[in-house]
Amino acid sequence: MTNIIKVGVIVAFLAALVVFDRSEQKAALHTEATVSAQVKHA
Protein backbone atom coordinates (compact mmCIF):
# COMPACT_ATOMS: atom_id res chain seq x y z
CA MET A 1 0.00 0.00 0.00
CA THR A 2 2.84 2.41 0.79
CA ASN A 3 4.29 1.93 -2.71
CA ILE A 4 0.96 3.02 -4.25
CA ILE A 5 1.00 6.15 -2.09
CA LYS A 6 4.61 6.93 -3.10
CA VAL A 7 3.77 6.55 -6.79
CA GLY A 8 0.70 8.77 -6.35
CA VAL A 9 2.77 11.47 -4.67
CA ILE A 10 5.42 11.35 -7.44
CA VAL A 11 2.78 11.52 -10.19
CA ALA A 12 1.03 14.44 -8.47
CA PHE A 13 4.36 16.24 -8.07
CA LEU A 14 5.26 15.78 -11.74
CA ALA A 15 1.79 16.93 -12.82
CA ALA A 16 2.16 20.04 -10.66
CA LEU A 17 5.56 20.75 -12.24
CA VAL A 18 4.11 20.46 -15.75
CA VAL A 19 1.18 22.76 -14.94
CA PHE A 20 3.50 25.29 -13.28
CA ASP A 21 5.89 25.15 -16.25
CA ARG A 22 3.07 25.81 -18.72
CA SER A 23 1.70 28.77 -16.74
CA GLU A 24 5.22 30.20 -16.50
CA GLN A 25 5.64 29.92 -20.28
CA LYS A 26 2.25 31.60 -20.87
CA ALA A 27 3.25 34.46 -18.54
CA ALA A 28 6.59 34.83 -20.34
CA LEU A 29 4.89 34.88 -23.76
CA HIS A 30 2.35 37.43 -22.52
CA THR A 31 5.15 39.66 -21.17
CA GLU A 32 7.06 39.42 -24.46
CA ALA A 33 3.94 40.30 -26.46
CA THR A 34 3.24 43.29 -24.19
CA VAL A 35 6.83 44.55 -24.45
CA SER A 36 6.97 44.18 -28.26
CA ALA A 37 3.61 45.96 -28.57
CA GLN A 38 4.91 48.84 -26.46
CA VAL A 39 8.10 49.02 -28.54
CA LYS A 40 6.14 49.15 -31.81
CA HIS A 41 3.81 51.79 -30.36
CA ALA A 42 6.68 54.00 -29.12
PDB file of N, CA and C in Angstrom:
ATOM      1  N   MET A   1       0.840  -1.214   0.000  1.00  0.00           N
ATOM      2  CA  MET A   1       0.000   0.000   0.000  1.00  0.00           C
ATOM      3  C   MET A   1       0.875   1.265   0.000  1.00  0.00           C
ATOM      4  N   THR A   2       1.992   1.216   0.743  1.00  0.00           N
ATOM      5  CA  THR A   2       2.839   2.410   0.793  1.00  0.00           C
ATOM      6  C   THR A   2       3.439   2.727  -0.571  1.00  0.00           C
ATOM      7  N   ASN A   3       3.737   1.696  -1.371  1.00  0.00           N
ATOM      8  CA  ASN A   3       4.290   1.935  -2.713  1.00  0.00           C
ATOM      9  C   ASN A   3       3.289   2.690  -3.582  1.00  0.00           C
ATOM     10  N   ILE A   4       1.999   2.337  -3.470  1.00  0.00           N
ATOM     11  CA  ILE A   4       0.964   3.021  -4.250  1.00  0.00           C
ATOM     12  C   ILE A   4       0.914   4.497  -3.853  1.00  0.00           C
ATOM     13  N   ILE A   5       1.032   4.758  -2.565  1.00  0.00           N
ATOM     14  CA  ILE A   5       1.001   6.149  -2.088  1.00  0.00           C
ATOM     15  C   ILE A   5       2.214   6.906  -2.630  1.00  0.00           C
ATOM     16  N   LYS A   6       3.392   6.278  -2.586  1.00  0.00           N
ATOM     17  CA  LYS A   6       4.607   6.935  -3.100  1.00  0.00           C
ATOM     18  C   LYS A   6       4.450   7.274  -4.575  1.00  0.00           C
ATOM     19  N   VAL A   7       3.959   6.311  -5.347  1.00  0.00           N
ATOM     20  CA  VAL A   7       3.769   6.549  -6.791  1.00  0.00           C
ATOM     21  C   VAL A   7       2.780   7.690  -7.007  1.00  0.00           C
ATOM     22  N   GLY A   8       1.700   7.700  -6.230  1.00  0.00           N
ATOM     23  CA  GLY A   8       0.703   8.767  -6.355  1.00  0.00           C
ATOM     24  C   GLY A   8       1.300  10.130  -6.065  1.00  0.00           C
ATOM     25  N   VAL A   9       2.137  10.199  -5.025  1.00  0.00           N
ATOM     26  CA  VAL A   9       2.774  11.474  -4.672  1.00  0.00           C
ATOM     27  C   VAL A   9       3.703  11.935  -5.791  1.00  0.00           C
ATOM     28  N   ILE A  10       4.481  10.997  -6.347  1.00  0.00           N
ATOM     29  CA  ILE A  10       5.419  11.345  -7.436  1.00  0.00           C
ATOM     30  C   ILE A  10       4.651  11.838  -8.666  1.00  0.00           C
ATOM     31  N   VAL A  11       3.576  11.126  -9.017  1.00  0.00           N
ATOM     32  CA  VAL A  11       2.776  11.522 -10.188  1.00  0.00           C
ATOM     33  C   VAL A  11       2.167  12.898  -9.970  1.00  0.00           C
ATOM     34  N   ALA A  12       1.631  13.133  -8.773  1.00  0.00           N
ATOM     35  CA  ALA A  12       1.028  14.437  -8.474  1.00  0.00           C
ATOM     36  C   ALA A  12       2.080  15.540  -8.548  1.00  0.00           C
ATOM     37  N   PHE A  13       3.277  15.252  -8.044  1.00  0.00           N
ATOM     38  CA  PHE A  13       4.362  16.236  -8.066  1.00  0.00           C
ATOM     39  C   PHE A  13       4.755  16.576  -9.507  1.00  0.00           C
ATOM     40  N   LEU A  14       4.902  15.545 -10.337  1.00  0.00           N
ATOM     41  CA  LEU A  14       5.262  15.779 -11.739  1.00  0.00           C
ATOM     42  C   LEU A  14       4.165  16.557 -12.462  1.00  0.00           C
ATOM     43  N   ALA A  15       2.911  16.210 -12.192  1.00  0.00           N
ATOM     44  CA  ALA A  15       1.795  16.925 -12.821  1.00  0.00           C
ATOM     45  C   ALA A  15       1.818  18.396 -12.412  1.00  0.00           C
ATOM     46  N   ALA A  16       2.098  18.657 -11.132  1.00  0.00           N
ATOM     47  CA  ALA A  16       2.160  20.041 -10.660  1.00  0.00           C
ATOM     48  C   ALA A  16       3.295  20.788 -11.352  1.00  0.00           C
ATOM     49  N   LEU A  17       4.436  20.121 -11.539  1.00  0.00           N
ATOM     50  CA  LEU A  17       5.561  20.754 -12.236  1.00  0.00           C
ATOM     51  C   LEU A  17       5.177  21.117 -13.664  1.00  0.00           C
ATOM     52  N   VAL A  18       4.499  20.206 -14.356  1.00  0.00           N
ATOM     53  CA  VAL A  18       4.108  20.456 -15.751  1.00  0.00           C
ATOM     54  C   VAL A  18       3.142  21.644 -15.821  1.00  0.00           C
ATOM     55  N   VAL A  19       2.147  21.656 -14.943  1.00  0.00           N
ATOM     56  CA  VAL A  19       1.176  22.758 -14.940  1.00  0.00           C
ATOM     57  C   VAL A  19       1.872  24.076 -14.640  1.00  0.00           C
ATOM     58  N   PHE A  20       2.777  24.067 -13.643  1.00  0.00           N
ATOM     59  CA  PHE A  20       3.498  25.289 -13.281  1.00  0.00           C
ATOM     60  C   PHE A  20       4.354  25.758 -14.449  1.00  0.00           C
ATOM     61  N   ASP A  21       5.030  24.818 -15.123  1.00  0.00           N
ATOM     62  CA  ASP A  21       5.893  25.154 -16.245  1.00  0.00           C
ATOM     63  C   ASP A  21       5.087  25.803 -17.365  1.00  0.00           C
ATOM     64  N   ARG A  22       3.901  25.241 -17.643  1.00  0.00           N
ATOM     65  CA  ARG A  22       3.068  25.807 -18.716  1.00  0.00           C
ATOM     66  C   ARG A  22       2.608  27.212 -18.366  1.00  0.00           C
ATOM     67  N   SER A  23       2.179  27.435 -17.125  1.00  0.00           N
ATOM     68  CA  SER A  23       1.702  28.765 -16.739  1.00  0.00           C
ATOM     69  C   SER A  23       2.853  29.757 -16.771  1.00  0.00           C
ATOM     70  N   GLU A  24       4.064  29.323 -16.423  1.00  0.00           N
ATOM     71  CA  GLU A  24       5.223  30.203 -16.500  1.00  0.00           C
ATOM     72  C   GLU A  24       5.491  30.597 -17.951  1.00  0.00           C
ATOM     73  N   GLN A  25       5.412  29.634 -18.871  1.00  0.00           N
ATOM     74  CA  GLN A  25       5.643  29.920 -20.285  1.00  0.00           C
ATOM     75  C   GLN A  25       4.592  30.892 -20.812  1.00  0.00           C
ATOM     76  N   LYS A  26       3.317  30.690 -20.422  1.00  0.00           N
ATOM     77  CA  LYS A  26       2.253  31.600 -20.868  1.00  0.00           C
ATOM     78  C   LYS A  26       2.529  33.010 -20.366  1.00  0.00           C
ATOM     79  N   ALA A  27       2.952  33.145 -19.103  1.00  0.00           N
ATOM     80  CA  ALA A  27       3.247  34.462 -18.536  1.00  0.00           C
ATOM     81  C   ALA A  27       4.408  35.100 -19.289  1.00  0.00           C
ATOM     82  N   ALA A  28       5.433  34.305 -19.614  1.00  0.00           N
ATOM     83  CA  ALA A  28       6.585  34.831 -20.340  1.00  0.00           C
ATOM     84  C   ALA A  28       6.170  35.297 -21.733  1.00  0.00           C
ATOM     85  N   LEU A  29       5.350  34.499 -22.417  1.00  0.00           N
ATOM     86  CA  LEU A  29       4.889  34.880 -23.755  1.00  0.00           C
ATOM     87  C   LEU A  29       4.057  36.158 -23.686  1.00  0.00           C
ATOM     88  N   HIS A  30       3.192  36.244 -22.676  1.00  0.00           N
ATOM     89  CA  HIS A  30       2.348  37.425 -22.519  1.00  0.00           C
ATOM     90  C   HIS A  30       3.225  38.659 -22.284  1.00  0.00           C
ATOM     91  N   THR A  31       4.253  38.529 -21.450  1.00  0.00           N
ATOM     92  CA  THR A  31       5.149  39.656 -21.170  1.00  0.00           C
ATOM     93  C   THR A  31       5.870  40.073 -22.448  1.00  0.00           C
ATOM     94  N   GLU A  32       6.368  39.100 -23.204  1.00  0.00           N
ATOM     95  CA  GLU A  32       7.064  39.415 -24.461  1.00  0.00           C
ATOM     96  C   GLU A  32       6.142  40.149 -25.422  1.00  0.00           C
ATOM     97  N   ALA A  33       4.899  39.668 -25.555  1.00  0.00           N
ATOM     98  CA  ALA A  33       3.937  40.300 -26.465  1.00  0.00           C
ATOM     99  C   ALA A  33       3.664  41.734 -26.029  1.00  0.00           C
ATOM    100  N   THR A  34       3.513  41.935 -24.710  1.00  0.00           N
ATOM    101  CA  THR A  34       3.239  43.285 -24.192  1.00  0.00           C
ATOM    102  C   THR A  34       4.417  44.209 -24.484  1.00  0.00           C
ATOM    103  N   VAL A  35       5.630  43.725 -24.239  1.00  0.00           N
ATOM    104  CA  VAL A  35       6.829  44.550 -24.454  1.00  0.00           C
ATOM    105  C   VAL A  35       6.966  44.903 -25.930  1.00  0.00           C
ATOM    106  N   SER A  36       6.813  43.910 -26.822  1.00  0.00           N
ATOM    107  CA  SER A  36       6.974  44.179 -28.258  1.00  0.00           C
ATOM    108  C   SER A  36       5.889  45.138 -28.745  1.00  0.00           C
ATOM    109  N   ALA A  37       4.686  45.044 -28.185  1.00  0.00           N
ATOM    110  CA  ALA A  37       3.614  45.960 -28.566  1.00  0.00           C
ATOM    111  C   ALA A  37       3.962  47.381 -28.137  1.00  0.00           C
ATOM    112  N   GLN A  38       4.523  47.518 -26.946  1.00  0.00           N
ATOM    113  CA  GLN A  38       4.910  48.845 -26.457  1.00  0.00           C
ATOM    114  C   GLN A  38       6.037  49.424 -27.308  1.00  0.00           C
ATOM    115  N   VAL A  39       6.973  48.551 -27.714  1.00  0.00           N
ATOM    116  CA  VAL A  39       8.104  49.020 -28.538  1.00  0.00           C
ATOM    117  C   VAL A  39       7.594  49.502 -29.888  1.00  0.00           C
ATOM    118  N   LYS A  40       6.694  48.749 -30.515  1.00  0.00           N
ATOM    119  CA  LYS A  40       6.139  49.153 -31.812  1.00  0.00           C
ATOM    120  C   LYS A  40       5.367  50.461 -31.679  1.00  0.00           C
ATOM    121  N   HIS A  41       4.640  50.601 -30.569  1.00  0.00           N
ATOM    122  CA  HIS A  41       3.807  51.788 -30.360  1.00  0.00           C
ATOM    123  C   HIS A  41       4.678  53.023 -30.142  1.00  0.00           C
ATOM    124  N   ALA A  42       5.820  52.859 -29.475  1.00  0.00           N
ATOM    125  CA  ALA A  42       6.675  53.998 -29.116  1.00  0.00           C
ATOM    126  C   ALA A  42       7.347  54.623 -30.335  1.00  0.00           C
TER     127      ALA A  42
END
